[in-house]
Structures are given as structure tokens and as C-alpha cells.
PDB file of N, CA and C in Angstrom:
ATOM      1  N   MET A   1      33.325  35.892  25.568  1.00  0.00           N
ATOM      2  CA  MET A   1      32.024  35.359  25.928  1.00  0.00           C
ATOM      3  C   MET A   1      31.717  34.160  25.034  1.00  0.00           C
ATOM      4  N   GLU A   2      31.448  33.051  25.649  1.00  0.00           N
ATOM      5  CA  GLU A   2      31.183  31.823  24.912  1.00  0.00           C
ATOM      6  C   GLU A   2      29.695  31.466  25.020  1.00  0.00           C
ATOM      7  N   ILE A   3      29.115  31.122  23.873  1.00  0.00           N
ATOM      8  CA  ILE A   3      27.698  30.737  23.852  1.00  0.00           C
ATOM      9  C   ILE A   3      27.601  29.237  24.085  1.00  0.00           C
ATOM     10  N   SER A   4      26.646  28.853  24.902  1.00  0.00           N
ATOM     11  CA  SER A   4      26.454  27.445  25.232  1.00  0.00           C
ATOM     12  C   SER A   4      26.043  26.647  23.989  1.00  0.00           C
ATOM     13  N   HIS A   5      26.510  25.413  23.922  1.00  0.00           N
ATOM     14  CA  HIS A   5      26.137  24.546  22.801  1.00  0.00           C
ATOM     15  C   HIS A   5      24.638  24.254  22.819  1.00  0.00           C
ATOM     16  N   THR A   6      24.060  24.234  23.996  1.00  0.00           N
ATOM     17  CA  THR A   6      22.617  23.992  24.098  1.00  0.00           C
ATOM     18  C   THR A   6      21.838  25.113  23.441  1.00  0.00           C
ATOM     19  N   ILE A   7      22.261  26.346  23.631  1.00  0.00           N
ATOM     20  CA  ILE A   7      21.592  27.504  23.013  1.00  0.00           C
ATOM     21  C   ILE A   7      21.733  27.438  21.497  1.00  0.00           C
ATOM     22  N   ILE A   8      22.901  27.094  21.017  1.00  0.00           N
ATOM     23  CA  ILE A   8      23.115  26.980  19.567  1.00  0.00           C
ATOM     24  C   ILE A   8      22.236  25.879  18.990  1.00  0.00           C
ATOM     25  N   ASN A   9      22.180  24.742  19.662  1.00  0.00           N
ATOM     26  CA  ASN A   9      21.332  23.647  19.185  1.00  0.00           C
ATOM     27  C   ASN A   9      19.860  24.027  19.223  1.00  0.00           C
ATOM     28  N   LEU A  10      19.443  24.785  20.228  1.00  0.00           N
ATOM     29  CA  LEU A  10      18.060  25.242  20.307  1.00  0.00           C
ATOM     30  C   LEU A  10      17.732  26.196  19.166  1.00  0.00           C
ATOM     31  N   ILE A  11      18.651  27.081  18.829  1.00  0.00           N
ATOM     32  CA  ILE A  11      18.445  28.007  17.706  1.00  0.00           C
ATOM     33  C   ILE A  11      18.323  27.228  16.406  1.00  0.00           C
ATOM     34  N   ILE A  12      19.178  26.239  16.202  1.00  0.00           N
ATOM     35  CA  ILE A  12      19.104  25.411  14.992  1.00  0.00           C
ATOM     36  C   ILE A  12      17.779  24.666  14.938  1.00  0.00           C
ATOM     37  N   PHE A  13      17.328  24.162  16.068  1.00  0.00           N
ATOM     38  CA  PHE A  13      16.050  23.445  16.140  1.00  0.00           C
ATOM     39  C   PHE A  13      14.888  24.360  15.754  1.00  0.00           C
ATOM     40  N   VAL A  14      14.858  25.558  16.279  1.00  0.00           N
ATOM     41  CA  VAL A  14      13.780  26.505  15.973  1.00  0.00           C
ATOM     42  C   VAL A  14      13.820  26.896  14.495  1.00  0.00           C
ATOM     43  N   LEU A  15      14.992  27.127  13.959  1.00  0.00           N
ATOM     44  CA  LEU A  15      15.105  27.457  12.534  1.00  0.00           C
ATOM     45  C   LEU A  15      14.662  26.289  11.655  1.00  0.00           C
ATOM     46  N   ALA A  16      14.977  25.062  12.061  1.00  0.00           N
ATOM     47  CA  ALA A  16      14.546  23.886  11.301  1.00  0.00           C
ATOM     48  C   ALA A  16      13.029  23.765  11.309  1.00  0.00           C
ATOM     49  N   ILE A  17      12.398  24.056  12.435  1.00  0.00           N
ATOM     50  CA  ILE A  17      10.930  24.036  12.499  1.00  0.00           C
ATOM     51  C   ILE A  17      10.356  25.077  11.550  1.00  0.00           C
ATOM     52  N   TYR A  18      10.904  26.267  11.566  1.00  0.00           N
ATOM     53  CA  TYR A  18      10.410  27.359  10.714  1.00  0.00           C
ATOM     54  C   TYR A  18      10.539  27.007   9.231  1.00  0.00           C
ATOM     55  N   VAL A  19      11.711  26.540   8.833  1.00  0.00           N
ATOM     56  CA  VAL A  19      11.931  26.191   7.420  1.00  0.00           C
ATOM     57  C   VAL A  19      11.051  25.004   7.025  1.00  0.00           C
ATOM     58  N   GLY A  20      10.979  23.989   7.881  1.00  0.00           N
ATOM     59  CA  GLY A  20      10.157  22.822   7.572  1.00  0.00           C
ATOM     60  C   GLY A  20       8.687  23.177   7.409  1.00  0.00           C
ATOM     61  N   TYR A  21       8.182  24.055   8.253  1.00  0.00           N
ATOM     62  CA  TYR A  21       6.788  24.490   8.164  1.00  0.00           C
ATOM     63  C   TYR A  21       6.515  25.139   6.808  1.00  0.00           C
ATOM     64  N   HIS A  22       7.375  26.042   6.400  1.00  0.00           N
ATOM     65  CA  HIS A  22       7.156  26.740   5.129  1.00  0.00           C
ATOM     66  C   HIS A  22       7.354  25.833   3.920  1.00  0.00           C
ATOM     67  N   VAL A  23       8.251  24.872   4.023  1.00  0.00           N
ATOM     68  CA  VAL A  23       8.465  23.943   2.904  1.00  0.00           C
ATOM     69  C   VAL A  23       7.256  23.033   2.725  1.00  0.00           C
ATOM     70  N   VAL A  24       6.727  22.499   3.819  1.00  0.00           N
ATOM     71  CA  VAL A  24       5.608  21.558   3.730  1.00  0.00           C
ATOM     72  C   VAL A  24       4.336  22.245   3.243  1.00  0.00           C
ATOM     73  N   TRP A  25       4.068  23.446   3.680  1.00  0.00           N
ATOM     74  CA  TRP A  25       2.823  24.116   3.298  1.00  0.00           C
ATOM     75  C   TRP A  25       2.833  24.619   1.864  1.00  0.00           C
ATOM     76  N   THR A  26       3.986  24.652   1.187  1.00  0.00           N
ATOM     77  CA  THR A  26       4.021  25.092  -0.204  1.00  0.00           C
ATOM     78  C   THR A  26       3.983  23.924  -1.185  1.00  0.00           C
ATOM     79  N   VAL A  27       3.865  22.710  -0.709  1.00  0.00           N
ATOM     80  CA  VAL A  27       3.826  21.532  -1.587  1.00  0.00           C
ATOM     81  C   VAL A  27       2.419  21.376  -2.168  1.00  0.00           C
ATOM     82  N   THR A  28       2.361  21.080  -3.455  1.00  0.00           N
ATOM     83  CA  THR A  28       1.060  20.853  -4.088  1.00  0.00           C
ATOM     84  C   THR A  28       0.476  19.525  -3.608  1.00  0.00           C
ATOM     85  N   PRO A  29      -0.848  19.407  -3.570  1.00  0.00           N
ATOM     86  CA  PRO A  29      -1.467  18.168  -3.066  1.00  0.00           C
ATOM     87  C   PRO A  29      -1.052  16.910  -3.832  1.00  0.00           C
ATOM     88  N   ALA A  30      -0.728  17.030  -5.112  1.00  0.00           N
ATOM     89  CA  ALA A  30      -0.346  15.854  -5.901  1.00  0.00           C
ATOM     90  C   ALA A  30       0.975  15.245  -5.418  1.00  0.00           C
ATOM     91  N   LEU A  31       1.777  16.022  -4.748  1.00  0.00           N
ATOM     92  CA  LEU A  31       3.090  15.527  -4.315  1.00  0.00           C
ATOM     93  C   LEU A  31       3.119  15.083  -2.862  1.00  0.00           C
ATOM     94  N   HIS A  32       1.989  15.084  -2.187  1.00  0.00           N
ATOM     95  CA  HIS A  32       2.002  14.746  -0.763  1.00  0.00           C
ATOM     96  C   HIS A  32       2.414  13.299  -0.502  1.00  0.00           C
ATOM     97  N   THR A  33       1.944  12.340  -1.291  1.00  0.00           N
ATOM     98  CA  THR A  33       2.299  10.938  -1.048  1.00  0.00           C
ATOM     99  C   THR A  33       3.796  10.698  -1.238  1.00  0.00           C
ATOM    100  N   PRO A  34       4.402  11.151  -2.343  1.00  0.00           N
ATOM    101  CA  PRO A  34       5.857  10.965  -2.454  1.00  0.00           C
ATOM    102  C   PRO A  34       6.622  11.724  -1.366  1.00  0.00           C
ATOM    103  N   LEU A  35       6.117  12.886  -0.996  1.00  0.00           N
ATOM    104  CA  LEU A  35       6.788  13.653   0.055  1.00  0.00           C
ATOM    105  C   LEU A  35       6.744  12.912   1.380  1.00  0.00           C
ATOM    106  N   MET A  36       5.620  12.278   1.680  1.00  0.00           N
ATOM    107  CA  MET A  36       5.505  11.524   2.925  1.00  0.00           C
ATOM    108  C   MET A  36       6.477  10.348   2.929  1.00  0.00           C
ATOM    109  N   ALA A  37       6.627   9.686   1.794  1.00  0.00           N
ATOM    110  CA  ALA A  37       7.547   8.549   1.730  1.00  0.00           C
ATOM    111  C   ALA A  37       8.989   9.006   1.972  1.00  0.00           C
ATOM    112  N   VAL A  38       9.365  10.130   1.401  1.00  0.00           N
ATOM    113  CA  VAL A  38      10.717  10.655   1.600  1.00  0.00           C
ATOM    114  C   VAL A  38      10.889  11.136   3.043  1.00  0.00           C
ATOM    115  N   THR A  39       9.842  11.745   3.588  1.00  0.00           N
ATOM    116  CA  THR A  39       9.909  12.233   4.970  1.00  0.00           C
ATOM    117  C   THR A  39      10.128  11.080   5.939  1.00  0.00           C
ATOM    118  N   ASN A  40       9.517   9.934   5.660  1.00  0.00           N
ATOM    119  CA  ASN A  40       9.725   8.772   6.518  1.00  0.00           C
ATOM    120  C   ASN A  40      11.187   8.336   6.506  1.00  0.00           C
ATOM    121  N   ALA A  41      11.798   8.370   5.340  1.00  0.00           N
ATOM    122  CA  ALA A  41      13.212   7.982   5.246  1.00  0.00           C
ATOM    123  C   ALA A  41      14.093   8.992   5.981  1.00  0.00           C
ATOM    124  N   VAL A  42      13.798  10.271   5.833  1.00  0.00           N
ATOM    125  CA  VAL A  42      14.579  11.300   6.518  1.00  0.00           C
ATOM    126  C   VAL A  42      14.396  11.187   8.031  1.00  0.00           C
ATOM    127  N   SER A  43      13.169  10.907   8.466  1.00  0.00           N
ATOM    128  CA  SER A  43      12.915  10.772   9.903  1.00  0.00           C
ATOM    129  C   SER A  43      13.660   9.582  10.487  1.00  0.00           C
ATOM    130  N   ALA A  44      13.810   8.535   9.713  1.00  0.00           N
ATOM    131  CA  ALA A  44      14.583   7.390  10.191  1.00  0.00           C
ATOM    132  C   ALA A  44      16.045   7.788  10.401  1.00  0.00           C
ATOM    133  N   ILE A  45      16.571   8.622   9.539  1.00  0.00           N
ATOM    134  CA  ILE A  45      17.941   9.117   9.704  1.00  0.00           C
ATOM    135  C   ILE A  45      18.016  10.032  10.925  1.00  0.00           C
ATOM    136  N   ILE A  46      16.959  10.820  11.134  1.00  0.00           N
ATOM    137  CA  ILE A  46      16.920  11.715  12.293  1.00  0.00           C
ATOM    138  C   ILE A  46      16.922  10.905  13.583  1.00  0.00           C
ATOM    139  N   ILE A  47      16.255   9.767  13.592  1.00  0.00           N
ATOM    140  CA  ILE A  47      16.248   8.918  14.784  1.00  0.00           C
ATOM    141  C   ILE A  47      17.669   8.477  15.126  1.00  0.00           C
ATOM    142  N   VAL A  48      18.436   8.101  14.126  1.00  0.00           N
ATOM    143  CA  VAL A  48      19.821   7.682  14.369  1.00  0.00           C
ATOM    144  C   VAL A  48      20.633   8.851  14.922  1.00  0.00           C
ATOM    145  N   GLY A  49      20.466  10.025  14.326  1.00  0.00           N
ATOM    146  CA  GLY A  49      21.185  11.203  14.816  1.00  0.00           C
ATOM    147  C   GLY A  49      20.767  11.584  16.229  1.00  0.00           C
ATOM    148  N   ALA A  50      19.484  11.471  16.526  1.00  0.00           N
ATOM    149  CA  ALA A  50      19.001  11.797  17.872  1.00  0.00           C
ATOM    150  C   ALA A  50      19.532  10.801  18.899  1.00  0.00           C
ATOM    151  N   MET A  51      19.631   9.538  18.513  1.00  0.00           N
ATOM    152  CA  MET A  51      20.197   8.552  19.428  1.00  0.00           C
ATOM    153  C   MET A  51      21.674   8.851  19.713  1.00  0.00           C
ATOM    154  N   LEU A  52      22.387   9.246  18.678  1.00  0.00           N
ATOM    155  CA  LEU A  52      23.798   9.613  18.881  1.00  0.00           C
ATOM    156  C   LEU A  52      23.900  10.848  19.772  1.00  0.00           C
ATOM    157  N   ALA A  53      23.041  11.825  19.527  1.00  0.00           N
ATOM    158  CA  ALA A  53      23.075  13.044  20.338  1.00  0.00           C
ATOM    159  C   ALA A  53      22.733  12.739  21.792  1.00  0.00           C
ATOM    160  N   ALA A  54      21.745  11.880  22.006  1.00  0.00           N
ATOM    161  CA  ALA A  54      21.353  11.550  23.374  1.00  0.00           C
ATOM    162  C   ALA A  54      22.437  10.734  24.067  1.00  0.00           C
ATOM    163  N   GLY A  55      23.099   9.872  23.339  1.00  0.00           N
ATOM    164  CA  GLY A  55      24.097   9.006  23.949  1.00  0.00           C
ATOM    165  C   GLY A  55      25.445   9.657  24.177  1.00  0.00           C
ATOM    166  N   LEU A  56      25.796  10.630  23.349  1.00  0.00           N
ATOM    167  CA  LEU A  56      27.133  11.218  23.433  1.00  0.00           C
ATOM    168  C   LEU A  56      27.200  12.479  24.288  1.00  0.00           C
ATOM    169  N   THR A  57      26.068  13.005  24.725  1.00  0.00           N
ATOM    170  CA  THR A  57      26.099  14.219  25.538  1.00  0.00           C
ATOM    171  C   THR A  57      26.455  13.889  26.977  1.00  0.00           C
ATOM    172  N   GLU A  58      27.003  14.875  27.664  1.00  0.00           N
ATOM    173  CA  GLU A  58      27.416  14.676  29.051  1.00  0.00           C
ATOM    174  C   GLU A  58      26.380  15.188  30.031  1.00  0.00           C
ATOM    175  N   GLY A  59      25.603  16.179  29.643  1.00  0.00           N
ATOM    176  CA  GLY A  59      24.652  16.781  30.562  1.00  0.00           C
ATOM    177  C   GLY A  59      23.279  16.138  30.488  1.00  0.00           C
ATOM    178  N   LEU A  60      22.508  16.365  31.525  1.00  0.00           N
ATOM    179  CA  LEU A  60      21.154  15.820  31.588  1.00  0.00           C
ATOM    180  C   LEU A  60      20.240  16.474  30.551  1.00  0.00           C
ATOM    181  N   THR A  61      20.420  17.764  30.320  1.00  0.00           N
ATOM    182  CA  THR A  61      19.572  18.486  29.368  1.00  0.00           C
ATOM    183  C   THR A  61      19.716  17.903  27.965  1.00  0.00           C
ATOM    184  N   GLY A  62      20.930  17.621  27.568  1.00  0.00           N
ATOM    185  CA  GLY A  62      21.174  17.049  26.247  1.00  0.00           C
ATOM    186  C   GLY A  62      20.576  15.664  26.102  1.00  0.00           C
ATOM    187  N   ARG A  63      20.676  14.876  27.150  1.00  0.00           N
ATOM    188  CA  ARG A  63      20.105  13.524  27.105  1.00  0.00           C
ATOM    189  C   ARG A  63      18.585  13.573  27.031  1.00  0.00           C
ATOM    190  N   VAL A  64      17.991  14.484  27.792  1.00  0.00           N
ATOM    191  CA  VAL A  64      16.529  14.618  27.757  1.00  0.00           C
ATOM    192  C   VAL A  64      16.077  15.110  26.387  1.00  0.00           C
ATOM    193  N   ALA A  65      16.762  16.117  25.843  1.00  0.00           N
ATOM    194  CA  ALA A  65      16.409  16.634  24.519  1.00  0.00           C
ATOM    195  C   ALA A  65      16.587  15.564  23.446  1.00  0.00           C
ATOM    196  N   GLY A  66      17.648  14.777  23.542  1.00  0.00           N
ATOM    197  CA  GLY A  66      17.877  13.691  22.588  1.00  0.00           C
ATOM    198  C   GLY A  66      16.817  12.616  22.684  1.00  0.00           C
ATOM    199  N   THR A  67      16.417  12.291  23.907  1.00  0.00           N
ATOM    200  CA  THR A  67      15.370  11.285  24.098  1.00  0.00           C
ATOM    201  C   THR A  67      14.037  11.770  23.539  1.00  0.00           C
ATOM    202  N   ILE A  68      13.730  13.040  23.771  1.00  0.00           N
ATOM    203  CA  ILE A  68      12.495  13.618  23.214  1.00  0.00           C
ATOM    204  C   ILE A  68      12.561  13.620  21.692  1.00  0.00           C
ATOM    205  N   ALA A  69      13.737  13.926  21.129  1.00  0.00           N
ATOM    206  CA  ALA A  69      13.898  13.917  19.676  1.00  0.00           C
ATOM    207  C   ALA A  69      13.687  12.522  19.104  1.00  0.00           C
ATOM    208  N   VAL A  70      14.196  11.502  19.784  1.00  0.00           N
ATOM    209  CA  VAL A  70      13.988  10.125  19.330  1.00  0.00           C
ATOM    210  C   VAL A  70      12.501   9.789  19.347  1.00  0.00           C
ATOM    211  N   ALA A  71      11.822  10.163  20.427  1.00  0.00           N
ATOM    212  CA  ALA A  71      10.396   9.852  20.543  1.00  0.00           C
ATOM    213  C   ALA A  71       9.581  10.574  19.465  1.00  0.00           C
ATOM    214  N   LEU A  72       9.846  11.852  19.246  1.00  0.00           N
ATOM    215  CA  LEU A  72       9.098  12.606  18.237  1.00  0.00           C
ATOM    216  C   LEU A  72       9.372  12.097  16.820  1.00  0.00           C
ATOM    217  N   ALA A  73      10.608  11.754  16.540  1.00  0.00           N
ATOM    218  CA  ALA A  73      10.925  11.224  15.210  1.00  0.00           C
ATOM    219  C   ALA A  73      10.276   9.861  15.001  1.00  0.00           C
ATOM    220  N   ALA A  74      10.208   9.045  16.056  1.00  0.00           N
ATOM    221  CA  ALA A  74       9.552   7.735  15.934  1.00  0.00           C
ATOM    222  C   ALA A  74       8.058   7.904  15.674  1.00  0.00           C
ATOM    223  N   VAL A  75       7.439   8.851  16.361  1.00  0.00           N
ATOM    224  CA  VAL A  75       6.021   9.134  16.116  1.00  0.00           C
ATOM    225  C   VAL A  75       5.831   9.630  14.684  1.00  0.00           C
ATOM    226  N   ASN A  76       6.753  10.455  14.211  1.00  0.00           N
ATOM    227  CA  ASN A  76       6.667  10.972  12.846  1.00  0.00           C
ATOM    228  C   ASN A  76       6.777   9.847  11.819  1.00  0.00           C
ATOM    229  N   VAL A  77       7.689   8.918  12.032  1.00  0.00           N
ATOM    230  CA  VAL A  77       7.842   7.794  11.098  1.00  0.00           C
ATOM    231  C   VAL A  77       6.583   6.934  11.097  1.00  0.00           C
ATOM    232  N   PHE A  78       6.101   6.576  12.281  1.00  0.00           N
ATOM    233  CA  PHE A  78       4.919   5.729  12.386  1.00  0.00           C
ATOM    234  C   PHE A  78       3.697   6.413  11.768  1.00  0.00           C
ATOM    235  N   GLY A  79       3.471   7.659  12.119  1.00  0.00           N
ATOM    236  CA  GLY A  79       2.337   8.398  11.562  1.00  0.00           C
ATOM    237  C   GLY A  79       2.471   8.607  10.065  1.00  0.00           C
ATOM    238  N   GLY A  80       3.690   8.829   9.606  1.00  0.00           N
ATOM    239  CA  GLY A  80       3.915   9.011   8.174  1.00  0.00           C
ATOM    240  C   GLY A  80       3.568   7.769   7.378  1.00  0.00           C
ATOM    241  N   PHE A  81       3.941   6.606   7.906  1.00  0.00           N
ATOM    242  CA  PHE A  81       3.585   5.367   7.218  1.00  0.00           C
ATOM    243  C   PHE A  81       2.080   5.146   7.217  1.00  0.00           C
ATOM    244  N   LEU A  82       1.407   5.490   8.303  1.00  0.00           N
ATOM    245  CA  LEU A  82      -0.056   5.350   8.344  1.00  0.00           C
ATOM    246  C   LEU A  82      -0.726   6.267   7.330  1.00  0.00           C
ATOM    247  N   VAL A  83      -0.293   7.518   7.278  1.00  0.00           N
ATOM    248  CA  VAL A  83      -0.888   8.471   6.341  1.00  0.00           C
ATOM    249  C   VAL A  83      -0.600   8.057   4.904  1.00  0.00           C
ATOM    250  N   THR A  84       0.622   7.617   4.636  1.00  0.00           N
ATOM    251  CA  THR A  84       0.972   7.182   3.284  1.00  0.00           C
ATOM    252  C   THR A  84       0.120   5.988   2.868  1.00  0.00           C
ATOM    253  N   GLN A  85      -0.070   5.041   3.776  1.00  0.00           N
ATOM    254  CA  GLN A  85      -0.895   3.867   3.476  1.00  0.00           C
ATOM    255  C   GLN A  85      -2.327   4.271   3.167  1.00  0.00           C
ATOM    256  N   ARG A  86      -2.884   5.172   3.953  1.00  0.00           N
ATOM    257  CA  ARG A  86      -4.266   5.619   3.721  1.00  0.00           C
ATOM    258  C   ARG A  86      -4.393   6.363   2.394  1.00  0.00           C
ATOM    259  N   MET A  87      -3.381   7.160   2.055  1.00  0.00           N
ATOM    260  CA  MET A  87      -3.430   7.897   0.794  1.00  0.00           C
ATOM    261  C   MET A  87      -3.329   6.945  -0.389  1.00  0.00           C
ATOM    262  N   LEU A  88      -2.491   5.924  -0.280  1.00  0.00           N
ATOM    263  CA  LEU A  88      -2.368   4.960  -1.367  1.00  0.00           C
ATOM    264  C   LEU A  88      -3.640   4.144  -1.539  1.00  0.00           C
ATOM    265  N   GLU A  89      -4.343   3.861  -0.438  1.00  0.00           N
ATOM    266  CA  GLU A  89      -5.610   3.132  -0.530  1.00  0.00           C
ATOM    267  C   GLU A  89      -6.681   3.948  -1.252  1.00  0.00           C
ATOM    268  N   MET A  90      -6.574   5.264  -1.214  1.00  0.00           N
ATOM    269  CA  MET A  90      -7.546   6.109  -1.919  1.00  0.00           C
ATOM    270  C   MET A  90      -7.437   5.944  -3.430  1.00  0.00           C
ATOM    271  N   PHE A  91      -6.258   5.586  -3.919  1.00  0.00           N
ATOM    272  CA  PHE A  91      -6.054   5.463  -5.356  1.00  0.00           C
ATOM    273  C   PHE A  91      -6.347   4.069  -5.896  1.00  0.00           C
ATOM    274  N   LYS A  92      -6.630   3.103  -5.008  1.00  0.00           N
ATOM    275  CA  LYS A  92      -6.938   1.757  -5.466  1.00  0.00           C
ATOM    276  C   LYS A  92      -8.328   1.734  -6.094  1.00  0.00           C
ATOM    277  N   LYS A  93      -8.469   0.889  -7.105  1.00  0.00           N
ATOM    278  CA  LYS A  93      -9.779   0.730  -7.736  1.00  0.00           C
ATOM    279  C   LYS A  93     -10.702  -0.038  -6.804  1.00  0.00           C
ATOM    280  N   LYS A  94     -11.907   0.463  -6.678  1.00  0.00           N
ATOM    281  CA  LYS A  94     -12.879  -0.209  -5.825  1.00  0.00           C
ATOM    282  C   LYS A  94     -13.543  -1.327  -6.619  1.00  0.00           C
ATOM    283  N   GLU A  95     -13.789  -2.438  -5.938  1.00  0.00           N
ATOM    284  CA  GLU A  95     -14.443  -3.561  -6.590  1.00  0.00           C
ATOM    285  C   GLU A  95     -15.924  -3.243  -6.758  1.00  0.00           C
ATOM    286  N   PRO A  96     -16.506  -3.627  -7.904  1.00  0.00           N
ATOM    287  CA  PRO A  96     -17.941  -3.356  -8.084  1.00  0.00           C
ATOM    288  C   PRO A  96     -18.769  -4.174  -7.096  1.00  0.00           C
ATOM    289  N   LYS A  97     -19.888  -3.596  -6.698  1.00  0.00           N
ATOM    290  CA  LYS A  97     -20.765  -4.294  -5.762  1.00  0.00           C
ATOM    291  C   LYS A  97     -21.392  -5.490  -6.459  1.00  0.00           C
ATOM    292  N   ALA A  98     -21.547  -6.570  -5.718  1.00  0.00           N
ATOM    293  CA  ALA A  98     -22.119  -7.791  -6.288  1.00  0.00           C
ATOM    294  C   ALA A  98     -23.610  -7.586  -6.549  1.00  0.00           C
ATOM    295  N   LYS A  99     -24.055  -8.003  -7.724  1.00  0.00           N
ATOM    296  CA  LYS A  99     -25.476  -7.891  -8.064  1.00  0.00           C
ATOM    297  C   LYS A  99     -26.214  -9.074  -7.457  1.00  0.00           C
ATOM    298  N   PRO A 100     -27.471  -8.889  -7.049  1.00  0.00           N
ATOM    299  CA  PRO A 100     -28.227 -10.020  -6.490  1.00  0.00           C
ATOM    300  C   PRO A 100     -28.449 -11.094  -7.552  1.00  0.00           C
ATOM    301  N   ALA A 101     -28.474 -12.309  -7.082  1.00  0.00           N
ATOM    302  CA  ALA A 101     -28.647 -13.446  -7.995  1.00  0.00           C
ATOM    303  C   ALA A 101     -30.029 -13.379  -8.647  1.00  0.00           C
ATOM    304  N   PRO A 102     -30.173 -13.840  -9.892  1.00  0.00           N
ATOM    305  CA  PRO A 102     -31.469 -13.800 -10.577  1.00  0.00           C
ATOM    306  C   PRO A 102     -32.548 -14.595  -9.837  1.00  0.00           C
ATOM    307  N   ALA A 103     -32.178 -15.687  -9.195  1.00  0.00           N
ATOM    308  CA  ALA A 103     -33.173 -16.489  -8.482  1.00  0.00           C
ATOM    309  C   ALA A 103     -33.765 -15.690  -7.331  1.00  0.00           C
ATOM    310  N   ALA A 104     -32.964 -14.854  -6.682  1.00  0.00           N
ATOM    311  CA  ALA A 104     -33.469 -14.038  -5.581  1.00  0.00           C
ATOM    312  C   ALA A 104     -34.444 -13.001  -6.112  1.00  0.00           C
ATOM    313  N   LYS A 105     -34.178 -12.454  -7.297  1.00  0.00           N
ATOM    314  CA  LYS A 105     -35.101 -11.487  -7.885  1.00  0.00           C
ATOM    315  C   LYS A 105     -36.429 -12.145  -8.211  1.00  0.00           C
ATOM    316  N   ASP A 106     -36.377 -13.348  -8.768  1.00  0.00           N
ATOM    317  CA  ASP A 106     -37.602 -14.049  -9.119  1.00  0.00           C
ATOM    318  C   ASP A 106     -38.444 -14.367  -7.893  1.00  0.00           C
ATOM    319  N   ALA A 107     -37.794 -14.765  -6.801  1.00  0.00           N
ATOM    320  CA  ALA A 107     -38.525 -15.095  -5.583  1.00  0.00           C
ATOM    321  C   ALA A 107     -39.186 -13.852  -5.016  1.00  0.00           C
ATOM    322  N   VAL A 108     -38.514 -12.726  -5.058  1.00  0.00           N
ATOM    323  CA  VAL A 108     -39.089 -11.470  -4.544  1.00  0.00           C
ATOM    324  C   VAL A 108     -40.234 -11.032  -5.455  1.00  0.00           C
ATOM    325  N   GLY A 109     -40.019 -11.132  -6.767  1.00  0.00           N
ATOM    326  CA  GLY A 109     -41.087 -10.745  -7.713  1.00  0.00           C
ATOM    327  C   GLY A 109     -42.314 -11.636  -7.583  1.00  0.00           C
ATOM    328  N   ALA A 110     -42.096 -12.928  -7.403  1.00  0.00           N
ATOM    329  CA  ALA A 110     -43.224 -13.866  -7.254  1.00  0.00           C
ATOM    330  C   ALA A 110     -43.977 -13.585  -5.974  1.00  0.00           C
ATOM    331  N   ALA A 111     -43.289 -13.241  -4.910  1.00  0.00           N
ATOM    332  CA  ALA A 111     -43.956 -12.941  -3.637  1.00  0.00           C
ATOM    333  C   ALA A 111     -44.794 -11.679  -3.767  1.00  0.00           C
ATOM    334  N   LYS A 112     -44.314 -10.707  -4.525  1.00  0.00           N
ATOM    335  CA  LYS A 112     -45.074  -9.468  -4.709  1.00  0.00           C
ATOM    336  C   LYS A 112     -46.328  -9.736  -5.543  1.00  0.00           C
ATOM    337  N   GLU A 113     -46.190 -10.553  -6.566  1.00  0.00           N
ATOM    338  CA  GLU A 113     -47.343 -10.854  -7.423  1.00  0.00           C
ATOM    339  C   GLU A 113     -48.406 -11.657  -6.677  1.00  0.00           C
ATOM    340  N   ALA A 114     -47.958 -12.533  -5.785  1.00  0.00           N
ATOM    341  CA  ALA A 114     -48.903 -13.363  -5.040  1.00  0.00           C
ATOM    342  C   ALA A 114     -49.693 -12.526  -4.020  1.00  0.00           C
ATOM    343  N   ALA A 115     -49.120 -11.426  -3.561  1.00  0.00           N
ATOM    344  CA  ALA A 115     -49.782 -10.620  -2.545  1.00  0.00           C
ATOM    345  C   ALA A 115     -50.843  -9.728  -3.080  1.00  0.00           C
TER     346      ALA A 115
END
């Protein structure tokens, strides 16, 4: 009895989801930005592997699964860069608000005194 390669690949995919879920949820918040940067690099490698899988398979199921994998990995890379950018912007120093010019204060004070 021979097991289909599609079934084996599906089992590997489900196990990868399970392991990835548990790995990501155990990361401390301080490491999320570096983790996102590394995840983007890994996802880029996954895109190459998914393209090879989609291109080298003979059946329609494999091509569809490979195409879906390419699309999901591309979304992951794009979203990862957006999240990383937003997280890095949180750590930037904010510029102090500009104080009103002294002449504007005097004009407002003079108007109040005249009233």
C-alpha cells in the first residue's frame, strides 16, 4: 500500500502550522520585532520553494496548492514588513510640539486686557 505524496505533504503542512503556532505564541513581546524581520526572510525562501513546488508538479492539485502557497507567503512577507515598520516607528523619538511665538501670546493677552 502506497501513500500519496499529496497526503504526506498535507500532513507536513498541518504539522508545520501546529509547530509554528506554538513557537510564535511563546515569544516574549520584546523579541517580536526581530522575529518579524527573520520571518520575512524565511517567508521569502518559502516563496521560492512554493514556486518550485508549483512548477515541478504534474497534477492540478499540486499546482493549485503551490500557487496558494506562493500567494499566502507573499501576503505574509508584505504584512510582515508593514508590521515591522509600524513597530519600529513606535520606538522613534517624537519631536516636541512647537511652542507659540511670543508675539502671538502678546497679541492674545493685549486683546483680553482691552476687552
